[in-house]
N, C-alpha and C. Protein backbone atom coordinates (compact mmCIF):
# COMPACT_ATOMS: atom_id res chain seq x y z
N UNK A 1 -134.62 -37.14 -116.34
CA UNK A 1 -135.10 -37.64 -115.05
C UNK A 1 -134.36 -36.93 -113.92
N UNK A 2 -135.08 -36.64 -112.86
CA UNK A 2 -134.47 -36.02 -111.69
C UNK A 2 -133.51 -37.01 -111.02
N UNK A 3 -132.55 -36.46 -110.27
CA UNK A 3 -131.61 -37.33 -109.54
C UNK A 3 -132.33 -38.18 -108.50
N UNK A 4 -133.27 -37.55 -107.80
CA UNK A 4 -133.91 -38.18 -106.65
C UNK A 4 -135.43 -38.14 -106.79
N UNK A 5 -136.08 -39.23 -106.44
CA UNK A 5 -137.52 -39.21 -106.19
C UNK A 5 -137.71 -39.20 -104.68
N UNK A 6 -138.46 -38.22 -104.19
CA UNK A 6 -138.73 -38.09 -102.76
C UNK A 6 -140.19 -38.42 -102.48
N UNK A 7 -140.42 -39.42 -101.65
CA UNK A 7 -141.77 -39.69 -101.15
C UNK A 7 -141.96 -38.83 -99.91
N UNK A 8 -143.01 -38.03 -99.92
CA UNK A 8 -143.12 -36.99 -98.91
C UNK A 8 -144.55 -36.84 -98.41
N UNK A 9 -144.72 -35.90 -97.50
CA UNK A 9 -146.05 -35.50 -97.01
C UNK A 9 -146.01 -33.99 -96.83
N UNK A 10 -147.06 -33.31 -97.23
CA UNK A 10 -147.05 -31.85 -97.24
C UNK A 10 -146.77 -31.27 -95.87
N UNK A 11 -147.36 -31.84 -94.82
CA UNK A 11 -147.28 -31.23 -93.49
C UNK A 11 -146.18 -31.81 -92.60
N UNK A 12 -145.53 -32.85 -93.04
CA UNK A 12 -144.53 -33.48 -92.18
C UNK A 12 -143.24 -32.69 -92.10
N UNK A 13 -142.62 -32.60 -90.90
CA UNK A 13 -141.36 -31.88 -90.77
C UNK A 13 -140.16 -32.62 -91.34
N UNK A 14 -140.14 -33.95 -91.22
CA UNK A 14 -138.95 -34.69 -91.65
C UNK A 14 -138.68 -34.61 -93.15
N UNK A 15 -139.70 -34.70 -94.02
CA UNK A 15 -139.41 -34.50 -95.45
C UNK A 15 -138.83 -33.13 -95.75
N UNK A 16 -139.20 -32.14 -94.94
CA UNK A 16 -138.74 -30.77 -95.18
C UNK A 16 -137.23 -30.66 -95.03
N UNK A 17 -136.65 -31.42 -94.11
CA UNK A 17 -135.20 -31.35 -93.92
C UNK A 17 -134.48 -31.94 -95.14
N UNK A 18 -135.08 -32.97 -95.74
CA UNK A 18 -134.48 -33.57 -96.93
C UNK A 18 -134.53 -32.59 -98.10
N UNK A 19 -135.67 -31.92 -98.25
CA UNK A 19 -135.79 -30.90 -99.30
C UNK A 19 -134.78 -29.78 -99.08
N UNK A 20 -134.62 -29.34 -97.84
CA UNK A 20 -133.67 -28.26 -97.54
C UNK A 20 -132.26 -28.64 -97.96
N UNK A 21 -131.85 -29.87 -97.66
CA UNK A 21 -130.50 -30.31 -98.04
C UNK A 21 -130.37 -30.41 -99.55
N UNK A 22 -131.36 -30.97 -100.23
CA UNK A 22 -131.28 -31.08 -101.68
C UNK A 22 -131.23 -29.71 -102.33
N UNK A 23 -131.94 -28.76 -101.77
CA UNK A 23 -131.89 -27.38 -102.28
C UNK A 23 -130.51 -26.78 -102.07
N UNK A 24 -129.92 -27.02 -100.92
CA UNK A 24 -128.58 -26.49 -100.64
C UNK A 24 -127.55 -27.05 -101.62
N UNK A 25 -127.69 -28.32 -101.95
CA UNK A 25 -126.70 -28.99 -102.79
C UNK A 25 -127.09 -29.01 -104.27
N UNK A 26 -128.20 -28.33 -104.59
CA UNK A 26 -128.68 -28.26 -105.98
C UNK A 26 -128.89 -29.65 -106.59
N UNK A 27 -129.46 -30.54 -105.79
CA UNK A 27 -129.81 -31.88 -106.27
C UNK A 27 -131.20 -31.80 -106.90
N UNK A 28 -131.34 -32.28 -108.11
CA UNK A 28 -132.66 -32.26 -108.74
C UNK A 28 -133.53 -33.38 -108.16
N UNK A 29 -134.81 -33.08 -107.97
CA UNK A 29 -135.69 -34.08 -107.37
C UNK A 29 -137.12 -33.89 -107.85
N UNK A 30 -137.86 -34.98 -107.81
CA UNK A 30 -139.30 -34.94 -108.02
C UNK A 30 -139.96 -35.49 -106.76
N UNK A 31 -141.15 -34.99 -106.45
CA UNK A 31 -141.80 -35.37 -105.20
C UNK A 31 -143.07 -36.15 -105.47
N UNK A 32 -143.24 -37.24 -104.74
CA UNK A 32 -144.44 -38.06 -104.79
C UNK A 32 -145.09 -38.00 -103.42
N UNK A 33 -146.42 -37.81 -103.40
CA UNK A 33 -147.15 -37.74 -102.13
C UNK A 33 -148.06 -38.95 -102.01
N UNK A 34 -147.57 -40.04 -101.41
CA UNK A 34 -148.40 -41.24 -101.28
C UNK A 34 -149.53 -41.01 -100.28
N UNK A 35 -150.61 -41.74 -100.47
CA UNK A 35 -151.73 -41.69 -99.53
C UNK A 35 -151.36 -42.55 -98.32
N UNK A 36 -150.95 -41.91 -97.24
CA UNK A 36 -150.45 -42.65 -96.08
C UNK A 36 -151.57 -43.34 -95.30
N UNK A 37 -152.81 -42.97 -95.59
CA UNK A 37 -153.93 -43.64 -94.93
C UNK A 37 -154.36 -44.90 -95.69
N UNK A 38 -153.84 -45.05 -96.91
CA UNK A 38 -154.18 -46.21 -97.73
C UNK A 38 -152.94 -46.60 -98.51
N UNK A 39 -151.99 -47.19 -97.79
CA UNK A 39 -150.67 -47.46 -98.36
C UNK A 39 -150.74 -48.54 -99.43
N UNK A 40 -150.26 -48.19 -100.60
CA UNK A 40 -150.27 -49.13 -101.72
C UNK A 40 -149.10 -50.10 -101.59
N UNK A 41 -149.21 -51.20 -102.31
CA UNK A 41 -148.13 -52.19 -102.29
C UNK A 41 -146.85 -51.58 -102.82
N UNK A 42 -146.96 -50.71 -103.82
CA UNK A 42 -145.79 -50.06 -104.38
C UNK A 42 -145.05 -49.26 -103.31
N UNK A 43 -145.79 -48.54 -102.48
CA UNK A 43 -145.15 -47.73 -101.45
C UNK A 43 -144.58 -48.58 -100.33
N UNK A 44 -145.30 -49.60 -99.88
CA UNK A 44 -144.79 -50.43 -98.79
C UNK A 44 -143.61 -51.28 -99.25
N UNK A 45 -143.53 -51.57 -100.54
CA UNK A 45 -142.33 -52.23 -101.07
C UNK A 45 -141.14 -51.30 -101.01
N UNK A 46 -141.40 -50.00 -101.17
CA UNK A 46 -140.33 -49.01 -101.14
C UNK A 46 -139.81 -48.81 -99.73
N UNK A 47 -140.71 -48.80 -98.75
CA UNK A 47 -140.31 -48.59 -97.36
C UNK A 47 -141.09 -49.52 -96.44
N UNK A 48 -140.46 -50.50 -95.86
CA UNK A 48 -141.16 -51.41 -94.95
C UNK A 48 -141.73 -50.71 -93.73
N UNK A 49 -141.18 -49.54 -93.40
CA UNK A 49 -141.66 -48.78 -92.25
C UNK A 49 -142.97 -48.04 -92.55
N UNK A 50 -143.26 -47.87 -93.83
CA UNK A 50 -144.52 -47.25 -94.22
C UNK A 50 -144.64 -45.78 -93.88
N UNK A 51 -143.51 -45.10 -93.70
CA UNK A 51 -143.53 -43.69 -93.35
C UNK A 51 -142.64 -42.90 -94.30
N UNK A 52 -142.84 -41.59 -94.33
CA UNK A 52 -142.01 -40.71 -95.14
C UNK A 52 -141.10 -39.90 -94.21
N UNK A 53 -139.96 -39.43 -94.75
CA UNK A 53 -139.54 -39.43 -96.14
C UNK A 53 -138.86 -40.74 -96.55
N UNK A 54 -138.91 -40.96 -97.86
CA UNK A 54 -138.18 -42.04 -98.52
C UNK A 54 -137.58 -41.43 -99.78
N UNK A 55 -136.35 -41.83 -100.11
CA UNK A 55 -135.78 -41.38 -101.39
C UNK A 55 -135.42 -42.58 -102.25
N UNK A 56 -135.47 -42.35 -103.56
CA UNK A 56 -134.94 -43.28 -104.55
C UNK A 56 -133.92 -42.50 -105.36
N UNK A 57 -132.67 -42.95 -105.32
CA UNK A 57 -131.57 -42.24 -105.99
C UNK A 57 -131.35 -42.86 -107.37
N UNK A 58 -131.78 -42.16 -108.41
CA UNK A 58 -131.70 -42.69 -109.77
C UNK A 58 -130.29 -42.60 -110.34
N UNK A 59 -129.42 -41.85 -109.70
CA UNK A 59 -128.03 -41.79 -110.15
C UNK A 59 -127.22 -42.97 -109.61
N UNK A 60 -127.79 -43.68 -108.66
CA UNK A 60 -127.06 -44.79 -108.04
C UNK A 60 -127.94 -46.05 -108.01
N UNK A 61 -128.33 -46.46 -109.23
CA UNK A 61 -129.06 -47.72 -109.41
C UNK A 61 -130.34 -47.79 -108.59
N UNK A 62 -131.02 -46.66 -108.50
CA UNK A 62 -132.29 -46.58 -107.77
C UNK A 62 -132.16 -47.03 -106.32
N UNK A 63 -131.05 -46.67 -105.73
CA UNK A 63 -130.87 -46.93 -104.30
C UNK A 63 -132.01 -46.29 -103.51
N UNK A 64 -132.65 -47.09 -102.66
CA UNK A 64 -133.79 -46.62 -101.87
C UNK A 64 -133.38 -46.53 -100.40
N UNK A 65 -133.80 -45.44 -99.77
CA UNK A 65 -133.43 -45.23 -98.37
C UNK A 65 -134.56 -44.53 -97.63
N UNK A 66 -134.79 -44.94 -96.38
CA UNK A 66 -135.77 -44.29 -95.53
C UNK A 66 -135.11 -43.94 -94.20
N UNK A 67 -135.82 -43.20 -93.37
CA UNK A 67 -135.35 -42.58 -92.13
C UNK A 67 -134.57 -41.31 -92.47
N UNK A 68 -135.07 -40.19 -91.97
CA UNK A 68 -134.59 -38.88 -92.43
C UNK A 68 -133.12 -38.63 -92.14
N UNK A 69 -132.63 -39.02 -90.96
CA UNK A 69 -131.21 -38.78 -90.65
C UNK A 69 -130.32 -39.63 -91.56
N UNK A 70 -130.72 -40.87 -91.80
CA UNK A 70 -129.95 -41.72 -92.72
C UNK A 70 -129.92 -41.11 -94.12
N UNK A 71 -131.03 -40.51 -94.53
CA UNK A 71 -131.09 -39.87 -95.85
C UNK A 71 -130.17 -38.66 -95.90
N UNK A 72 -130.17 -37.84 -94.85
CA UNK A 72 -129.27 -36.68 -94.83
C UNK A 72 -127.82 -37.11 -94.94
N UNK A 73 -127.43 -38.11 -94.17
CA UNK A 73 -126.04 -38.59 -94.21
C UNK A 73 -125.69 -39.17 -95.58
N UNK A 74 -126.62 -39.88 -96.17
CA UNK A 74 -126.40 -40.47 -97.50
C UNK A 74 -126.21 -39.39 -98.56
N UNK A 75 -127.11 -38.43 -98.59
CA UNK A 75 -127.02 -37.36 -99.59
C UNK A 75 -125.75 -36.54 -99.39
N UNK A 76 -125.43 -36.30 -98.13
CA UNK A 76 -124.21 -35.55 -97.82
C UNK A 76 -122.98 -36.29 -98.34
N UNK A 77 -122.94 -37.59 -98.13
CA UNK A 77 -121.78 -38.39 -98.54
C UNK A 77 -121.63 -38.45 -100.05
N UNK A 78 -122.74 -38.58 -100.77
CA UNK A 78 -122.66 -38.80 -102.21
C UNK A 78 -122.78 -37.53 -103.05
N UNK A 79 -123.31 -36.47 -102.49
CA UNK A 79 -123.57 -35.28 -103.30
C UNK A 79 -122.84 -34.02 -102.81
N UNK A 80 -122.07 -34.14 -101.75
CA UNK A 80 -121.33 -32.98 -101.23
C UNK A 80 -119.86 -33.35 -101.10
N UNK A 81 -119.20 -33.51 -102.23
CA UNK A 81 -117.80 -33.95 -102.22
C UNK A 81 -116.86 -32.91 -101.62
N UNK A 82 -117.30 -31.65 -101.57
CA UNK A 82 -116.47 -30.60 -100.98
C UNK A 82 -116.73 -30.42 -99.49
N UNK A 83 -117.59 -31.23 -98.92
CA UNK A 83 -117.92 -31.15 -97.49
C UNK A 83 -118.38 -29.75 -97.09
N UNK A 84 -119.19 -29.14 -97.92
CA UNK A 84 -119.74 -27.82 -97.59
C UNK A 84 -120.59 -27.88 -96.34
N UNK A 85 -121.29 -28.99 -96.16
CA UNK A 85 -122.23 -29.11 -95.05
C UNK A 85 -121.87 -30.26 -94.12
N UNK A 86 -120.59 -30.64 -94.15
CA UNK A 86 -120.11 -31.71 -93.28
C UNK A 86 -118.71 -31.36 -92.81
N UNK A 87 -118.01 -32.30 -92.21
CA UNK A 87 -116.75 -32.00 -91.53
C UNK A 87 -115.65 -32.97 -91.95
N UNK A 88 -114.42 -32.54 -91.78
CA UNK A 88 -113.27 -33.41 -92.03
C UNK A 88 -112.53 -33.73 -90.74
N UNK A 89 -112.69 -32.88 -89.73
CA UNK A 89 -112.07 -33.10 -88.43
C UNK A 89 -112.80 -34.22 -87.68
N UNK A 90 -112.05 -35.18 -87.15
CA UNK A 90 -112.68 -36.34 -86.51
C UNK A 90 -113.52 -35.97 -85.30
N UNK A 91 -113.07 -35.01 -84.52
CA UNK A 91 -113.84 -34.59 -83.35
C UNK A 91 -115.14 -33.91 -83.77
N UNK A 92 -115.08 -33.11 -84.83
CA UNK A 92 -116.30 -32.48 -85.34
C UNK A 92 -117.28 -33.52 -85.85
N UNK A 93 -116.76 -34.55 -86.52
CA UNK A 93 -117.63 -35.62 -87.02
C UNK A 93 -118.31 -36.34 -85.86
N UNK A 94 -117.54 -36.62 -84.80
CA UNK A 94 -118.12 -37.27 -83.62
C UNK A 94 -119.21 -36.40 -83.00
N UNK A 95 -118.93 -35.10 -82.89
CA UNK A 95 -119.92 -34.18 -82.33
C UNK A 95 -121.16 -34.09 -83.22
N UNK A 96 -120.94 -34.08 -84.53
CA UNK A 96 -122.06 -34.01 -85.47
C UNK A 96 -122.97 -35.23 -85.32
N UNK A 97 -122.37 -36.41 -85.24
CA UNK A 97 -123.17 -37.62 -85.05
C UNK A 97 -123.93 -37.59 -83.72
N UNK A 98 -123.28 -37.05 -82.70
CA UNK A 98 -123.94 -36.93 -81.39
C UNK A 98 -125.20 -36.08 -81.48
N UNK A 99 -125.11 -34.93 -82.16
CA UNK A 99 -126.26 -34.02 -82.24
C UNK A 99 -127.33 -34.52 -83.21
N UNK A 100 -126.91 -35.27 -84.22
CA UNK A 100 -127.91 -35.89 -85.09
C UNK A 100 -128.75 -36.90 -84.31
N UNK A 101 -128.09 -37.67 -83.46
CA UNK A 101 -128.81 -38.65 -82.64
C UNK A 101 -129.61 -37.97 -81.54
N UNK A 102 -129.14 -36.84 -81.06
CA UNK A 102 -129.89 -36.07 -80.07
C UNK A 102 -131.25 -35.67 -80.62
N UNK A 103 -131.27 -35.29 -81.88
CA UNK A 103 -132.56 -34.93 -82.48
C UNK A 103 -133.49 -36.15 -82.51
N UNK A 104 -132.94 -37.29 -82.92
CA UNK A 104 -133.77 -38.48 -83.08
C UNK A 104 -134.25 -39.04 -81.75
N UNK A 105 -133.38 -38.99 -80.73
CA UNK A 105 -133.72 -39.61 -79.45
C UNK A 105 -134.17 -38.60 -78.40
N UNK A 106 -133.95 -37.31 -78.66
CA UNK A 106 -134.30 -36.29 -77.70
C UNK A 106 -135.42 -35.41 -78.18
N UNK A 107 -135.12 -34.53 -79.12
CA UNK A 107 -136.11 -33.58 -79.63
C UNK A 107 -137.32 -34.33 -80.19
N UNK A 108 -137.06 -35.29 -81.05
CA UNK A 108 -138.12 -36.02 -81.74
C UNK A 108 -139.07 -36.71 -80.76
N UNK A 109 -138.51 -37.43 -79.80
CA UNK A 109 -139.34 -38.22 -78.89
C UNK A 109 -140.13 -37.35 -77.92
N UNK A 110 -139.59 -36.19 -77.57
CA UNK A 110 -140.33 -35.28 -76.69
C UNK A 110 -141.49 -34.64 -77.43
N UNK A 111 -141.28 -34.31 -78.70
CA UNK A 111 -142.30 -33.58 -79.44
C UNK A 111 -143.43 -34.47 -79.94
N UNK A 112 -143.12 -35.67 -80.38
CA UNK A 112 -144.11 -36.46 -81.10
C UNK A 112 -145.28 -36.95 -80.24
N UNK A 113 -145.06 -37.58 -79.07
CA UNK A 113 -146.19 -38.25 -78.42
C UNK A 113 -147.33 -37.33 -78.02
N UNK A 114 -147.08 -36.39 -77.12
CA UNK A 114 -148.13 -35.47 -76.68
C UNK A 114 -147.45 -34.25 -76.07
N UNK A 115 -146.82 -33.42 -76.90
CA UNK A 115 -145.96 -32.36 -76.40
C UNK A 115 -146.63 -31.39 -75.44
N UNK A 116 -147.89 -31.07 -75.69
CA UNK A 116 -148.54 -30.10 -74.81
C UNK A 116 -148.86 -30.70 -73.44
N UNK A 117 -148.86 -32.02 -73.37
CA UNK A 117 -149.04 -32.67 -72.09
C UNK A 117 -147.72 -32.82 -71.36
N UNK A 118 -146.62 -32.51 -72.04
CA UNK A 118 -145.30 -32.65 -71.44
C UNK A 118 -144.47 -31.40 -71.71
N UNK A 119 -144.94 -30.21 -71.31
CA UNK A 119 -144.17 -28.99 -71.57
C UNK A 119 -142.84 -28.97 -70.85
N UNK A 120 -142.76 -29.64 -69.69
CA UNK A 120 -141.49 -29.68 -68.96
C UNK A 120 -140.43 -30.37 -69.80
N UNK A 121 -140.81 -31.47 -70.46
CA UNK A 121 -139.86 -32.18 -71.31
C UNK A 121 -139.37 -31.31 -72.45
N UNK A 122 -140.28 -30.54 -73.04
CA UNK A 122 -139.87 -29.69 -74.15
C UNK A 122 -138.96 -28.56 -73.67
N UNK A 123 -139.28 -27.98 -72.53
CA UNK A 123 -138.42 -26.93 -71.99
C UNK A 123 -137.04 -27.48 -71.60
N UNK A 124 -137.01 -28.72 -71.16
CA UNK A 124 -135.71 -29.33 -70.84
C UNK A 124 -134.85 -29.44 -72.09
N UNK A 125 -135.46 -29.90 -73.18
CA UNK A 125 -134.74 -30.01 -74.45
C UNK A 125 -134.27 -28.63 -74.92
N UNK A 126 -135.15 -27.65 -74.83
CA UNK A 126 -134.76 -26.29 -75.22
C UNK A 126 -133.63 -25.76 -74.35
N UNK A 127 -133.61 -26.15 -73.08
CA UNK A 127 -132.53 -25.74 -72.20
C UNK A 127 -131.19 -26.31 -72.63
N UNK A 128 -131.20 -27.56 -73.08
CA UNK A 128 -129.98 -28.19 -73.59
C UNK A 128 -129.48 -27.44 -74.82
N UNK A 129 -130.39 -27.15 -75.74
CA UNK A 129 -130.03 -26.43 -76.97
C UNK A 129 -129.52 -25.03 -76.64
N UNK A 130 -130.23 -24.34 -75.76
CA UNK A 130 -129.86 -22.96 -75.40
C UNK A 130 -128.46 -22.89 -74.81
N UNK A 131 -128.16 -23.79 -73.90
CA UNK A 131 -126.83 -23.80 -73.27
C UNK A 131 -125.74 -24.12 -74.29
N UNK A 132 -126.01 -25.07 -75.16
CA UNK A 132 -125.00 -25.45 -76.16
C UNK A 132 -124.71 -24.31 -77.13
N UNK A 133 -125.72 -23.51 -77.45
CA UNK A 133 -125.56 -22.45 -78.45
C UNK A 133 -124.94 -21.17 -77.88
N UNK A 134 -124.66 -21.14 -76.59
CA UNK A 134 -124.04 -19.96 -75.99
C UNK A 134 -122.71 -19.66 -76.69
N UNK A 135 -122.62 -18.49 -77.31
CA UNK A 135 -121.39 -18.09 -78.00
C UNK A 135 -121.15 -18.80 -79.32
N UNK A 136 -122.14 -19.53 -79.83
CA UNK A 136 -121.98 -20.27 -81.08
C UNK A 136 -123.00 -19.80 -82.11
N UNK A 137 -122.60 -19.85 -83.38
CA UNK A 137 -123.54 -19.56 -84.46
C UNK A 137 -124.22 -20.83 -84.94
N UNK A 138 -123.50 -21.95 -84.88
CA UNK A 138 -124.04 -23.22 -85.36
C UNK A 138 -123.75 -24.32 -84.35
N UNK A 139 -124.37 -25.47 -84.55
CA UNK A 139 -124.27 -26.54 -83.56
C UNK A 139 -122.87 -27.13 -83.45
N UNK A 140 -122.20 -27.31 -84.58
CA UNK A 140 -120.92 -28.02 -84.58
C UNK A 140 -119.89 -27.26 -85.41
N UNK A 141 -118.69 -27.11 -84.87
CA UNK A 141 -117.56 -26.59 -85.63
C UNK A 141 -117.72 -25.19 -86.17
N UNK A 142 -118.63 -24.41 -85.58
CA UNK A 142 -118.88 -23.04 -86.05
C UNK A 142 -119.13 -22.99 -87.56
N UNK A 143 -119.87 -24.00 -88.03
CA UNK A 143 -120.11 -24.14 -89.46
C UNK A 143 -121.53 -24.66 -89.69
N UNK A 144 -122.21 -24.07 -90.65
CA UNK A 144 -123.55 -24.54 -91.04
C UNK A 144 -123.44 -25.94 -91.64
N UNK A 145 -124.26 -26.86 -91.16
CA UNK A 145 -124.13 -28.25 -91.59
C UNK A 145 -125.50 -28.94 -91.57
N UNK A 146 -125.49 -30.21 -91.93
CA UNK A 146 -126.74 -30.97 -91.91
C UNK A 146 -127.27 -31.12 -90.48
N UNK A 147 -126.41 -30.96 -89.49
CA UNK A 147 -126.88 -30.99 -88.10
C UNK A 147 -127.88 -29.87 -87.86
N UNK A 148 -127.57 -28.70 -88.37
CA UNK A 148 -128.46 -27.54 -88.20
C UNK A 148 -129.77 -27.74 -88.96
N UNK A 149 -129.67 -28.24 -90.18
CA UNK A 149 -130.89 -28.52 -90.96
C UNK A 149 -131.75 -29.53 -90.22
N UNK A 150 -131.11 -30.56 -89.68
CA UNK A 150 -131.82 -31.63 -88.99
C UNK A 150 -132.58 -31.10 -87.77
N UNK A 151 -131.96 -30.23 -87.00
CA UNK A 151 -132.59 -29.71 -85.79
C UNK A 151 -133.60 -28.61 -86.07
N UNK A 152 -133.36 -27.84 -87.13
CA UNK A 152 -134.22 -26.68 -87.41
C UNK A 152 -135.68 -27.07 -87.57
N UNK A 153 -135.94 -28.13 -88.32
CA UNK A 153 -137.34 -28.43 -88.67
C UNK A 153 -138.18 -28.76 -87.44
N UNK A 154 -137.54 -29.29 -86.39
CA UNK A 154 -138.28 -29.59 -85.17
C UNK A 154 -138.35 -28.39 -84.25
N UNK A 155 -137.26 -27.64 -84.13
CA UNK A 155 -137.31 -26.42 -83.31
C UNK A 155 -138.28 -25.41 -83.89
N UNK A 156 -138.47 -25.46 -85.21
CA UNK A 156 -139.41 -24.57 -85.89
C UNK A 156 -140.83 -24.75 -85.36
N UNK A 157 -141.13 -25.93 -84.85
CA UNK A 157 -142.48 -26.23 -84.36
C UNK A 157 -142.73 -25.73 -82.93
N UNK A 158 -141.71 -25.18 -82.29
CA UNK A 158 -141.84 -24.76 -80.89
C UNK A 158 -143.03 -23.85 -80.63
N UNK A 159 -143.26 -22.81 -81.44
CA UNK A 159 -144.43 -21.96 -81.18
C UNK A 159 -145.74 -22.74 -81.16
N UNK A 160 -145.90 -23.65 -82.11
CA UNK A 160 -147.11 -24.46 -82.18
C UNK A 160 -147.24 -25.37 -80.97
N UNK A 161 -146.14 -25.99 -80.60
CA UNK A 161 -146.16 -26.97 -79.51
C UNK A 161 -146.44 -26.32 -78.16
N UNK A 162 -145.82 -25.18 -77.91
CA UNK A 162 -145.98 -24.53 -76.62
C UNK A 162 -147.11 -23.51 -76.59
N UNK A 163 -147.77 -23.34 -77.74
CA UNK A 163 -148.91 -22.44 -77.77
C UNK A 163 -148.55 -20.98 -77.75
N UNK A 164 -147.33 -20.65 -78.22
CA UNK A 164 -146.90 -19.26 -78.26
C UNK A 164 -147.11 -18.69 -79.65
N UNK A 165 -147.01 -17.38 -79.74
CA UNK A 165 -147.10 -16.71 -81.04
C UNK A 165 -145.74 -16.16 -81.43
N UNK A 166 -145.32 -16.51 -82.64
CA UNK A 166 -144.13 -15.90 -83.23
C UNK A 166 -142.91 -15.94 -82.34
N UNK A 167 -142.27 -14.78 -82.18
CA UNK A 167 -140.98 -14.69 -81.51
C UNK A 167 -141.09 -14.93 -80.01
N UNK A 168 -142.29 -14.84 -79.43
CA UNK A 168 -142.44 -15.08 -78.00
C UNK A 168 -142.03 -16.50 -77.62
N UNK A 169 -142.04 -17.41 -78.59
CA UNK A 169 -141.71 -18.80 -78.32
C UNK A 169 -140.31 -18.95 -77.76
N UNK A 170 -139.39 -18.10 -78.18
CA UNK A 170 -137.99 -18.21 -77.76
C UNK A 170 -137.58 -17.08 -76.83
N UNK A 171 -138.56 -16.44 -76.20
CA UNK A 171 -138.26 -15.31 -75.33
C UNK A 171 -137.31 -15.71 -74.20
N UNK A 172 -137.50 -16.91 -73.67
CA UNK A 172 -136.64 -17.39 -72.58
C UNK A 172 -135.38 -18.08 -73.11
N UNK A 173 -135.28 -18.18 -74.42
CA UNK A 173 -134.16 -18.89 -75.05
C UNK A 173 -133.56 -18.02 -76.15
N UNK A 174 -132.90 -16.92 -75.79
CA UNK A 174 -132.43 -15.96 -76.81
C UNK A 174 -131.39 -16.54 -77.76
N UNK A 175 -130.52 -17.42 -77.27
CA UNK A 175 -129.52 -18.02 -78.16
C UNK A 175 -130.21 -18.86 -79.24
N UNK A 176 -131.22 -19.61 -78.82
CA UNK A 176 -131.96 -20.45 -79.75
C UNK A 176 -132.77 -19.61 -80.72
N UNK A 177 -133.38 -18.54 -80.22
CA UNK A 177 -134.14 -17.65 -81.09
C UNK A 177 -133.28 -17.02 -82.17
N UNK A 178 -132.09 -16.54 -81.77
CA UNK A 178 -131.16 -15.94 -82.74
C UNK A 178 -130.68 -16.98 -83.74
N UNK A 179 -130.44 -18.19 -83.25
CA UNK A 179 -130.01 -19.30 -84.10
C UNK A 179 -131.06 -19.61 -85.16
N UNK A 180 -132.32 -19.66 -84.75
CA UNK A 180 -133.39 -19.97 -85.69
C UNK A 180 -133.53 -18.88 -86.76
N UNK A 181 -133.40 -17.64 -86.36
CA UNK A 181 -133.45 -16.55 -87.34
C UNK A 181 -132.30 -16.68 -88.34
N UNK A 182 -131.13 -17.01 -87.84
CA UNK A 182 -129.95 -17.15 -88.69
C UNK A 182 -130.16 -18.28 -89.70
N UNK A 183 -130.63 -19.41 -89.21
CA UNK A 183 -130.82 -20.55 -90.11
C UNK A 183 -131.90 -20.28 -91.14
N UNK A 184 -132.92 -19.54 -90.75
CA UNK A 184 -134.02 -19.26 -91.66
C UNK A 184 -133.63 -18.47 -92.88
N UNK A 185 -132.44 -17.88 -92.86
CA UNK A 185 -131.95 -17.11 -94.00
C UNK A 185 -131.11 -17.95 -94.96
N UNK A 186 -130.82 -19.18 -94.59
CA UNK A 186 -130.03 -20.03 -95.49
C UNK A 186 -130.88 -20.51 -96.66
N UNK A 187 -130.24 -20.61 -97.80
CA UNK A 187 -130.92 -20.91 -99.07
C UNK A 187 -131.82 -22.13 -98.98
N UNK A 188 -131.28 -23.25 -98.55
CA UNK A 188 -132.03 -24.49 -98.56
C UNK A 188 -133.25 -24.45 -97.66
N UNK A 189 -133.07 -23.93 -96.46
CA UNK A 189 -134.19 -23.85 -95.51
C UNK A 189 -135.24 -22.88 -96.01
N UNK A 190 -134.81 -21.73 -96.48
CA UNK A 190 -135.76 -20.73 -96.98
C UNK A 190 -136.58 -21.30 -98.13
N UNK A 191 -135.91 -21.95 -99.08
CA UNK A 191 -136.62 -22.49 -100.25
C UNK A 191 -137.50 -23.68 -99.88
N UNK A 192 -137.04 -24.51 -98.95
CA UNK A 192 -137.84 -25.67 -98.54
C UNK A 192 -139.14 -25.23 -97.89
N UNK A 193 -139.08 -24.21 -97.06
CA UNK A 193 -140.29 -23.76 -96.38
C UNK A 193 -141.20 -22.96 -97.31
N UNK A 194 -140.61 -22.29 -98.29
CA UNK A 194 -141.44 -21.62 -99.31
C UNK A 194 -142.20 -22.66 -100.12
N UNK A 195 -141.53 -23.75 -100.48
CA UNK A 195 -142.18 -24.84 -101.22
C UNK A 195 -143.28 -25.48 -100.37
N UNK A 196 -142.99 -25.70 -99.10
CA UNK A 196 -143.97 -26.30 -98.19
C UNK A 196 -145.21 -25.41 -98.06
N UNK A 197 -145.00 -24.10 -97.91
CA UNK A 197 -146.12 -23.17 -97.77
C UNK A 197 -146.98 -23.16 -99.03
N UNK A 198 -146.33 -23.21 -100.20
CA UNK A 198 -147.07 -23.21 -101.46
C UNK A 198 -147.91 -24.48 -101.59
N UNK A 199 -147.36 -25.61 -101.20
CA UNK A 199 -148.10 -26.88 -101.28
C UNK A 199 -149.27 -26.91 -100.31
N UNK A 200 -149.10 -26.32 -99.14
CA UNK A 200 -150.17 -26.31 -98.15
C UNK A 200 -151.36 -25.46 -98.58
N UNK A 201 -151.11 -24.52 -99.49
CA UNK A 201 -152.18 -23.63 -99.96
C UNK A 201 -152.99 -24.25 -101.08
N UNK A 202 -152.51 -25.35 -101.65
CA UNK A 202 -153.21 -25.98 -102.77
C UNK A 202 -154.45 -26.73 -102.28
């Protein structure tokens, strides 16, 4: 049996971040794609919120968890004992939590409702990211972490949201553009998006 069962959706960005982390940490997983338009009792029992991603951890008494940031923190805590993708310095941990919440309350909320009707809001968020990344390779502690995975999946949607093609999306945000290219070469992100692309073609 795989370590984790992941309830997912082929096109959703949030499940992709969970896959990227599991790939980075070599966590075995199986994926279930529930019909979100016709939620079964089994699925709603698993997640009262009725949304994906959801994980069931079979190594820990079938612990069930939903909300993508909570899942990232959980997997990081239980499956990354060497802190490869997390921090030991208290200030770095505080900064990491700050940027994780920034994604949930900033990037996420600007993108989801009607992004093309609010381009100013999206450019404001990109401005925050661009300024923070000045002279930095990663968001926190000059180290690749779950913060980067968490933000990547939403920043990846920028071309679609703003109606740009390819690299033109970050023309006004060179730090962010370079950051996205850098992250795209990491094992977990590369493999997660390859898996996503293969599923979308089925």
